[in-house]
Amino acid sequence: MTSTLEDLAVAGRRVTFTYYRHLKSGPAVPGIITGTEPAVNGALLARVRLDGTRSTLTPPVDYEGLTYLDEVVPVPELPMGRFTPERSDTYGFYEKDGVLLAAIGEDGEDLIVLTGGREKAITVARAYLDDQAWVDLDYVDFDDIRAHWAVFEWEPENAECPWTVRWDAQESDDQAIRIHYLPAA
């Protein structure tokens, strides 16, 4: 008995996904189908969450870079709520001189530096911005850096950004972290 791709594209099916630009040489990234949905043209799309990510890809079920594995398991829930940031290129937390930072804002023009020390925050922000070709440090006013207590919270799957930061937190709040915020010039 043969199965059609529509039969294989079920929630919980483990898959590997290869991006189009890597079809000839890989790598194939493991993931899971979280569901299916119809495309505008009537084709069936697989909703694929790659392992270690919070976003969903929606390739056609017959996409040549989608390999269906035999394993079908319950779709894991994404963690929600507050979290403590860790270095992760996937989620936009970078490390500079042993301190985490993230570029935020519509174009990534604002910085948050996860440290309680103002001078350390300025040093890390300066070093990070100096590495960015599009930034002229002569136009950055480091006196604008401000300390806040903040909490980080996961956003739902496929949100524009996987997390949000709230800086209306108090030191006593669960998982509050001292940060410094540097707005764009």
C-alpha atoms as a PDB file:
ATOM      1  CA  MET A   1       0.000   0.000   0.000  1.00  0.00           C
ATOM      2  CA  THR A   2       1.387   3.403  -0.914  1.00  0.00           C
ATOM      3  CA  SER A   3       0.758   6.630   0.932  1.00  0.00           C
ATOM      4  CA  THR A   4       0.174   9.960  -0.711  1.00  0.00           C
ATOM      5  CA  LEU A   5       2.040  12.997   0.502  1.00  0.00           C
ATOM      6  CA  GLU A   6      -1.231  14.324   1.905  1.00  0.00           C
ATOM      7  CA  ASP A   7      -1.460  11.156   4.026  1.00  0.00           C
ATOM      8  CA  LEU A   8       2.103  11.612   5.275  1.00  0.00           C
ATOM      9  CA  ALA A   9       1.716  15.325   6.098  1.00  0.00           C
ATOM     10  CA  VAL A  10       0.087  14.893   9.497  1.00  0.00           C
ATOM     11  CA  ALA A  11       0.598  16.823  12.719  1.00  0.00           C
ATOM     12  CA  GLY A  12       3.388  15.221  14.724  1.00  0.00           C
ATOM     13  CA  ARG A  13       5.245  13.675  11.786  1.00  0.00           C
ATOM     14  CA  ARG A  14       8.990  14.149  12.113  1.00  0.00           C
ATOM     15  CA  VAL A  15      10.627  15.524   8.978  1.00  0.00           C
ATOM     16  CA  THR A  16      13.865  16.919   7.690  1.00  0.00           C
ATOM     17  CA  PHE A  17      13.860  20.160   5.746  1.00  0.00           C
ATOM     18  CA  THR A  18      16.502  21.379   3.316  1.00  0.00           C
ATOM     19  CA  TYR A  19      16.421  24.981   2.179  1.00  0.00           C
ATOM     20  CA  TYR A  20      16.196  25.402  -1.592  1.00  0.00           C
ATOM     21  CA  ARG A  21      19.653  26.971  -1.846  1.00  0.00           C
ATOM     22  CA  HIS A  22      21.120  23.849  -0.173  1.00  0.00           C
ATOM     23  CA  LEU A  23      19.166  21.138  -2.009  1.00  0.00           C
ATOM     24  CA  LYS A  24      22.257  19.683  -3.673  1.00  0.00           C
ATOM     25  CA  SER A  25      24.524  19.658  -0.628  1.00  0.00           C
ATOM     26  CA  GLY A  26      22.377  19.879   2.516  1.00  0.00           C
ATOM     27  CA  PRO A  27      22.189  20.234   5.429  1.00  0.00           C
ATOM     28  CA  ALA A  28      18.836  18.658   6.181  1.00  0.00           C
ATOM     29  CA  VAL A  29      17.429  20.233   9.354  1.00  0.00           C
ATOM     30  CA  PRO A  30      15.159  18.137  11.613  1.00  0.00           C
ATOM     31  CA  GLY A  31      11.686  19.385  12.448  1.00  0.00           C
ATOM     32  CA  ILE A  32       8.064  18.448  13.008  1.00  0.00           C
ATOM     33  CA  ILE A  33       4.829  19.052  11.158  1.00  0.00           C
ATOM     34  CA  THR A  34       2.504  21.052  13.405  1.00  0.00           C
ATOM     35  CA  GLY A  35      -0.414  20.950  10.963  1.00  0.00           C
ATOM     36  CA  THR A  36      -1.427  21.620   7.379  1.00  0.00           C
ATOM     37  CA  GLU A  37      -3.271  24.414   5.606  1.00  0.00           C
ATOM     38  CA  PRO A  38      -4.504  25.085   2.090  1.00  0.00           C
ATOM     39  CA  ALA A  39      -2.566  27.474  -0.125  1.00  0.00           C
ATOM     40  CA  VAL A  40      -4.295  30.167  -2.161  1.00  0.00           C
ATOM     41  CA  ASN A  41      -3.876  27.980  -5.251  1.00  0.00           C
ATOM     42  CA  GLY A  42      -5.502  24.997  -3.525  1.00  0.00           C
ATOM     43  CA  ALA A  43      -2.280  23.068  -2.885  1.00  0.00           C
ATOM     44  CA  LEU A  44      -1.714  21.652   0.591  1.00  0.00           C
ATOM     45  CA  LEU A  45       0.984  23.284   2.726  1.00  0.00           C
ATOM     46  CA  ALA A  46       2.764  21.603   5.632  1.00  0.00           C
ATOM     47  CA  ARG A  47       3.320  23.761   8.708  1.00  0.00           C
ATOM     48  CA  VAL A  48       6.875  22.789   9.726  1.00  0.00           C
ATOM     49  CA  ARG A  49       8.594  23.941  12.924  1.00  0.00           C
ATOM     50  CA  LEU A  50      12.310  23.259  12.761  1.00  0.00           C
ATOM     51  CA  ASP A  51      13.840  21.918  15.958  1.00  0.00           C
ATOM     52  CA  GLY A  52      15.120  24.691  18.206  1.00  0.00           C
ATOM     53  CA  THR A  53      13.044  27.437  16.577  1.00  0.00           C
ATOM     54  CA  ARG A  54       9.758  29.175  17.352  1.00  0.00           C
ATOM     55  CA  SER A  55       8.682  29.970  13.812  1.00  0.00           C
ATOM     56  CA  THR A  56       6.885  27.909  11.200  1.00  0.00           C
ATOM     57  CA  LEU A  57       7.771  27.282   7.580  1.00  0.00           C
ATOM     58  CA  THR A  58       4.924  26.458   5.195  1.00  0.00           C
ATOM     59  CA  PRO A  59       6.306  24.529   2.220  1.00  0.00           C
ATOM     60  CA  PRO A  60       4.027  22.623  -0.147  1.00  0.00           C
ATOM     61  CA  VAL A  61       3.715  18.997   0.953  1.00  0.00           C
ATOM     62  CA  ASP A  62       5.469  17.970  -2.277  1.00  0.00           C
ATOM     63  CA  TYR A  63       8.464  20.315  -1.796  1.00  0.00           C
ATOM     64  CA  GLU A  64      11.581  18.381  -2.812  1.00  0.00           C
ATOM     65  CA  GLY A  65      13.510  19.483   0.287  1.00  0.00           C
ATOM     66  CA  LEU A  66      10.916  18.031   2.680  1.00  0.00           C
ATOM     67  CA  THR A  67      11.645  14.449   3.723  1.00  0.00           C
ATOM     68  CA  TYR A  68       8.990  12.587   5.708  1.00  0.00           C
ATOM     69  CA  LEU A  69      10.292  10.335   8.472  1.00  0.00           C
ATOM     70  CA  ASP A  70       8.416   7.361   9.932  1.00  0.00           C
ATOM     71  CA  GLU A  71       8.129   8.797  13.439  1.00  0.00           C
ATOM     72  CA  VAL A  72       4.842  10.484  14.440  1.00  0.00           C
ATOM     73  CA  VAL A  73       4.818  12.000  17.939  1.00  0.00           C
ATOM     74  CA  PRO A  74       2.760  14.551  19.866  1.00  0.00           C
ATOM     75  CA  VAL A  75       3.589  18.116  18.776  1.00  0.00           C
ATOM     76  CA  PRO A  76       5.490  19.737  21.652  1.00  0.00           C
ATOM     77  CA  GLU A  77       4.074  22.937  23.101  1.00  0.00           C
ATOM     78  CA  LEU A  78       6.247  26.009  22.798  1.00  0.00           C
ATOM     79  CA  PRO A  79       7.387  27.475  26.088  1.00  0.00           C
ATOM     80  CA  MET A  80       5.543  30.685  26.930  1.00  0.00           C
ATOM     81  CA  GLY A  81       5.860  33.266  29.680  1.00  0.00           C
ATOM     82  CA  ARG A  82       8.956  34.789  31.195  1.00  0.00           C
ATOM     83  CA  PHE A  83      12.429  33.489  30.528  1.00  0.00           C
ATOM     84  CA  THR A  84      16.040  34.333  31.232  1.00  0.00           C
ATOM     85  CA  PRO A  85      17.894  35.130  27.982  1.00  0.00           C
ATOM     86  CA  GLU A  86      20.848  33.054  26.859  1.00  0.00           C
ATOM     87  CA  ARG A  87      23.210  33.579  23.950  1.00  0.00           C
ATOM     88  CA  SER A  88      21.356  32.575  20.792  1.00  0.00           C
ATOM     89  CA  ASP A  89      21.825  33.805  17.236  1.00  0.00           C
ATOM     90  CA  THR A  90      18.417  32.297  16.463  1.00  0.00           C
ATOM     91  CA  TYR A  91      16.687  34.488  19.029  1.00  0.00           C
ATOM     92  CA  GLY A  92      18.882  37.573  18.626  1.00  0.00           C
ATOM     93  CA  PHE A  93      20.861  37.502  21.866  1.00  0.00           C
ATOM     94  CA  TYR A  94      24.534  38.110  21.154  1.00  0.00           C
ATOM     95  CA  GLU A  95      27.511  38.072  23.452  1.00  0.00           C
ATOM     96  CA  LYS A  96      30.184  40.742  23.500  1.00  0.00           C
ATOM     97  CA  ASP A  97      32.937  40.750  26.111  1.00  0.00           C
ATOM     98  CA  GLY A  98      31.000  38.205  28.181  1.00  0.00           C
ATOM     99  CA  VAL A  99      27.797  40.307  28.271  1.00  0.00           C
ATOM    100  CA  LEU A 100      24.533  39.579  26.439  1.00  0.00           C
ATOM    101  CA  LEU A 101      22.958  42.212  24.236  1.00  0.00           C
ATOM    102  CA  ALA A 102      20.175  42.423  21.688  1.00  0.00           C
ATOM    103  CA  ALA A 103      19.368  44.840  18.890  1.00  0.00           C
ATOM    104  CA  ILE A 104      15.686  45.739  19.023  1.00  0.00           C
ATOM    105  CA  GLY A 105      13.296  48.099  17.305  1.00  0.00           C
ATOM    106  CA  GLU A 106      11.800  47.977  13.868  1.00  0.00           C
ATOM    107  CA  ASP A 107      15.200  47.997  12.167  1.00  0.00           C
ATOM    108  CA  GLY A 108      17.313  46.751  15.067  1.00  0.00           C
ATOM    109  CA  GLU A 109      18.568  50.254  15.746  1.00  0.00           C
ATOM    110  CA  ASP A 110      18.093  50.281  19.542  1.00  0.00           C
ATOM    111  CA  LEU A 111      20.247  48.214  21.896  1.00  0.00           C
ATOM    112  CA  ILE A 112      19.603  46.520  25.188  1.00  0.00           C
ATOM    113  CA  VAL A 113      22.629  45.388  27.147  1.00  0.00           C
ATOM    114  CA  LEU A 114      22.002  42.842  29.897  1.00  0.00           C
ATOM    115  CA  THR A 115      24.191  44.166  32.678  1.00  0.00           C
ATOM    116  CA  GLY A 116      23.667  46.259  35.768  1.00  0.00           C
ATOM    117  CA  GLY A 117      26.875  48.237  35.310  1.00  0.00           C
ATOM    118  CA  ARG A 118      26.494  51.456  33.329  1.00  0.00           C
ATOM    119  CA  GLU A 119      30.162  51.691  32.293  1.00  0.00           C
ATOM    120  CA  LYS A 120      30.214  48.014  31.277  1.00  0.00           C
ATOM    121  CA  ALA A 121      27.019  48.561  29.249  1.00  0.00           C
ATOM    122  CA  ILE A 122      28.573  51.528  27.435  1.00  0.00           C
ATOM    123  CA  THR A 123      31.785  49.585  26.738  1.00  0.00           C
ATOM    124  CA  VAL A 124      29.852  46.596  25.355  1.00  0.00           C
ATOM    125  CA  ALA A 125      27.481  48.780  23.310  1.00  0.00           C
ATOM    126  CA  ARG A 126      30.408  50.728  21.843  1.00  0.00           C
ATOM    127  CA  ALA A 127      32.270  47.516  20.908  1.00  0.00           C
ATOM    128  CA  TYR A 128      29.160  45.976  19.340  1.00  0.00           C
ATOM    129  CA  LEU A 129      28.252  49.105  17.366  1.00  0.00           C
ATOM    130  CA  ASP A 130      31.863  49.541  16.242  1.00  0.00           C
ATOM    131  CA  ASP A 131      31.573  46.107  14.563  1.00  0.00           C
ATOM    132  CA  GLN A 132      28.502  47.243  12.588  1.00  0.00           C
ATOM    133  CA  ALA A 133      29.473  48.754   9.223  1.00  0.00           C
ATOM    134  CA  TRP A 134      26.389  50.973   9.103  1.00  0.00           C
ATOM    135  CA  VAL A 135      27.053  52.725  12.430  1.00  0.00           C
ATOM    136  CA  ASP A 136      29.106  55.907  12.731  1.00  0.00           C
ATOM    137  CA  LEU A 137      30.058  56.109  16.413  1.00  0.00           C
ATOM    138  CA  ASP A 138      30.407  59.899  16.128  1.00  0.00           C
ATOM    139  CA  TYR A 139      26.600  60.036  15.973  1.00  0.00           C
ATOM    140  CA  VAL A 140      25.914  57.723  18.923  1.00  0.00           C
ATOM    141  CA  ASP A 141      25.213  59.525  22.195  1.00  0.00           C
ATOM    142  CA  PHE A 142      26.204  57.043  24.880  1.00  0.00           C
ATOM    143  CA  ASP A 143      24.963  59.495  27.528  1.00  0.00           C
ATOM    144  CA  ASP A 144      21.441  58.424  26.452  1.00  0.00           C
ATOM    145  CA  ILE A 145      21.908  54.922  27.864  1.00  0.00           C
ATOM    146  CA  ARG A 146      19.383  54.259  30.649  1.00  0.00           C
ATOM    147  CA  ALA A 147      19.139  51.516  33.267  1.00  0.00           C
ATOM    148  CA  HIS A 148      15.887  49.574  33.694  1.00  0.00           C
ATOM    149  CA  TRP A 149      14.620  46.477  35.419  1.00  0.00           C
ATOM    150  CA  ALA A 150      13.187  44.288  32.676  1.00  0.00           C
ATOM    151  CA  VAL A 151      11.517  40.952  32.091  1.00  0.00           C
ATOM    152  CA  PHE A 152      11.686  38.938  28.896  1.00  0.00           C
ATOM    153  CA  GLU A 153       8.633  37.013  27.690  1.00  0.00           C
ATOM    154  CA  TRP A 154       8.131  34.550  24.860  1.00  0.00           C
ATOM    155  CA  GLU A 155       5.714  35.587  22.145  1.00  0.00           C
ATOM    156  CA  PRO A 156       3.376  33.122  20.390  1.00  0.00           C
ATOM    157  CA  GLU A 157       4.614  31.048  17.475  1.00  0.00           C
ATOM    158  CA  ASN A 158       5.209  33.092  14.307  1.00  0.00           C
ATOM    159  CA  ALA A 159       5.188  36.445  16.080  1.00  0.00           C
ATOM    160  CA  GLU A 160       7.292  39.088  14.353  1.00  0.00           C
ATOM    161  CA  CYS A 161       9.885  38.675  17.093  1.00  0.00           C
ATOM    162  CA  PRO A 162      10.058  35.486  19.203  1.00  0.00           C
ATOM    163  CA  TRP A 163      10.255  37.461  22.444  1.00  0.00           C
ATOM    164  CA  THR A 164       9.416  40.807  23.926  1.00  0.00           C
ATOM    165  CA  VAL A 165      11.010  42.841  26.684  1.00  0.00           C
ATOM    166  CA  ARG A 166       9.083  44.839  29.255  1.00  0.00           C
ATOM    167  CA  TRP A 167      11.036  47.463  31.141  1.00  0.00           C
ATOM    168  CA  ASP A 168       8.322  48.441  33.529  1.00  0.00           C
ATOM    169  CA  ALA A 169       9.481  45.632  35.819  1.00  0.00           C
ATOM    170  CA  GLN A 170      10.561  46.014  39.422  1.00  0.00           C
ATOM    171  CA  GLU A 171      13.673  44.484  40.952  1.00  0.00           C
ATOM    172  CA  SER A 172      11.450  42.130  42.971  1.00  0.00           C
ATOM    173  CA  ASP A 173       9.581  40.786  39.896  1.00  0.00           C
ATOM    174  CA  ASP A 174      10.054  37.143  38.959  1.00  0.00           C
ATOM    175  CA  GLN A 175      13.005  36.832  36.537  1.00  0.00           C
ATOM    176  CA  ALA A 176      13.693  40.583  36.486  1.00  0.00           C
ATOM    177  CA  ILE A 177      17.059  41.447  34.956  1.00  0.00           C
ATOM    178  CA  ARG A 178      18.967  44.713  35.127  1.00  0.00           C
ATOM    179  CA  ILE A 179      19.492  46.038  31.614  1.00  0.00           C
ATOM    180  CA  HIS A 180      20.684  49.201  29.940  1.00  0.00           C
ATOM    181  CA  TYR A 181      18.765  50.594  26.978  1.00  0.00           C
ATOM    182  CA  LEU A 182      20.450  52.685  24.283  1.00  0.00           C
ATOM    183  CA  PRO A 183      17.992  54.277  21.855  1.00  0.00           C
ATOM    184  CA  ALA A 184      18.984  54.995  18.269  1.00  0.00           C
ATOM    185  CA  ALA A 185      20.407  58.429  17.569  1.00  0.00           C
END
